[in-house]
Protein backbone atom coordinates (compact mmCIF):
# COMPACT_ATOMS: atom_id res chain seq x y z
CA MET A 1 8.98 42.97 25.30
CA ARG A 2 7.54 41.38 22.14
CA ARG A 3 10.46 42.73 20.13
CA PHE A 4 12.94 41.14 22.57
CA VAL A 5 11.15 37.79 22.46
CA LEU A 6 11.10 37.83 18.65
CA LEU A 7 14.77 38.83 18.48
CA PHE A 8 15.66 36.09 20.97
CA ALA A 9 13.71 33.48 18.97
CA ILE A 10 15.45 34.49 15.75
CA SER A 11 18.85 34.46 17.46
CA ALA A 12 18.20 31.03 18.96
CA ALA A 13 17.12 29.62 15.61
CA PHE A 14 20.22 31.05 13.93
CA ALA A 15 22.48 29.64 16.64
CA ILE A 16 21.09 26.14 16.04
CA ALA A 17 21.62 26.41 12.28
CA VAL A 18 25.27 27.43 12.54
CA PRO A 19 27.95 24.75 12.87
CA VAL A 20 29.48 24.43 16.32
CA SER A 21 33.03 25.07 15.10
CA HIS A 22 34.76 26.18 11.90
CA ALA A 23 38.16 26.94 13.38
CA GLU A 24 39.69 23.46 13.27
CA GLY A 25 38.73 22.48 9.75
CA VAL A 26 35.62 20.40 9.25
CA PRO A 27 32.64 21.93 11.06
CA HIS A 28 31.19 20.02 14.00
CA TYR A 29 27.47 19.28 13.76
CA GLU A 30 25.11 17.92 16.38
CA ILE A 31 24.63 14.58 14.64
CA ASP A 32 22.99 12.78 17.56
CA LYS A 33 20.23 15.39 17.68
CA TRP A 34 19.95 15.46 13.88
CA CYS A 35 19.59 11.68 13.66
CA ARG A 36 17.04 11.49 16.49
CA LEU A 37 15.01 14.20 14.78
CA ARG A 38 15.33 12.56 11.34
CA ALA A 39 14.42 9.08 12.61
CA HIS A 40 11.77 10.37 15.04
CA GLY A 41 13.68 8.64 17.85
CA GLY A 42 13.07 5.24 16.28
CA PRO A 43 15.35 2.39 15.30
CA GLY A 44 16.59 4.29 12.24
CA THR A 45 18.62 6.54 14.55
CA ASN A 46 21.54 4.10 14.65
CA LEU A 47 21.60 3.75 10.87
CA CYS A 48 21.58 7.53 10.53
CA VAL A 49 24.50 7.89 12.95
CA ARG A 50 26.51 5.24 11.05
CA GLU A 51 25.81 6.98 7.70
CA GLU A 52 26.80 10.34 9.15
CA GLN A 53 29.98 8.87 10.62
CA GLU A 54 31.00 7.39 7.26
CA ALA A 55 30.26 10.70 5.52
CA TYR A 56 32.18 12.67 8.17
CA ASP A 57 35.21 10.40 7.77
CA SER A 58 35.11 10.95 3.99
CA VAL A 59 34.66 14.71 4.34
CA LYS A 60 37.55 14.87 6.79
CA SER A 61 39.85 13.06 4.35
CA ILE A 62 39.12 15.45 1.45
CA TRP A 63 38.38 18.74 3.27
CA ASN A 64 41.78 20.37 2.74
CA ARG A 65 41.74 19.61 -1.00
CA PHE A 66 39.06 22.26 -1.52
CA ASP A 67 39.47 26.02 -1.64
CA PRO A 68 37.83 27.87 1.26
CA ASP A 69 35.15 29.44 -0.95
CA LEU A 70 33.98 26.02 -2.19
CA ARG A 71 34.02 24.60 1.34
CA ALA A 72 31.94 27.55 2.53
CA LYS A 73 29.26 26.77 -0.06
CA CYS A 74 28.95 23.27 1.38
CA VAL A 75 28.73 24.46 4.98
CA GLN A 76 25.56 26.45 4.41
CA PRO A 77 22.43 25.00 6.01
CA ILE A 78 21.04 22.28 3.79
CA ARG A 79 17.54 22.05 5.24
CA GLY A 80 16.08 22.73 8.62
CA PRO A 81 18.00 23.71 11.73
CA TYR A 82 20.45 20.79 11.62
CA GLN A 83 23.14 20.04 9.10
CA SER A 84 24.34 16.72 7.79
CA TYR A 85 27.74 15.37 6.80
CA VAL A 86 25.98 13.26 4.17
CA GLY A 87 24.70 16.50 2.61
CA MET A 88 28.11 18.14 2.95
CA LEU A 89 29.83 15.19 1.25
CA ASN A 90 27.32 15.33 -1.62
CA CYS A 91 27.99 19.05 -2.00
CA LEU A 92 31.77 18.58 -2.00
CA ASN A 93 31.42 15.86 -4.62
CA GLU A 94 29.47 18.33 -6.77
CA MET A 95 32.21 20.94 -6.24
CA ALA A 96 35.03 18.53 -7.16
CA PRO A 97 35.03 19.39 -10.91
CA ILE A 98 35.23 23.11 -10.07
CA GLN A 99 38.12 22.52 -7.69
CA GLU A 100 39.87 20.31 -10.24
CA SER A 101 39.53 22.93 -12.98
CA ARG A 102 41.20 25.52 -10.75
CA GLY A 103 44.36 23.45 -10.67
CA ARG A 104 44.71 22.93 -14.41
CA ALA A 105 47.26 24.72 -16.53
CA HIS A 106 46.04 27.50 -18.79
CA PHE A 107 47.22 28.36 -22.29
CA HIS A 108 49.24 31.58 -22.51
CA TYR A 109 50.28 33.44 -25.65
């Protein structure tokens, strides 16, 4: 019984940390829950939601410019059980030089 409870707890924690959907492009995160947790349910919740919305809109506009392996690096959990589009946008911005270098011409003898 203890083994089942432990396995269930681990499975539940993993399920929370994984994005809701990868199939249609940009992963879907539970931003309302993330922002309530981050702002402790206080007035900062609305600011958090607005920041996440702006970041999501930016991520959505650049998502297809990145190779799948670079996108996957930015989808990994950033911290805690919830993920953030602000964090994902920061990660993609860090990956931009790598993506850009992949498209450059190379010298051939």
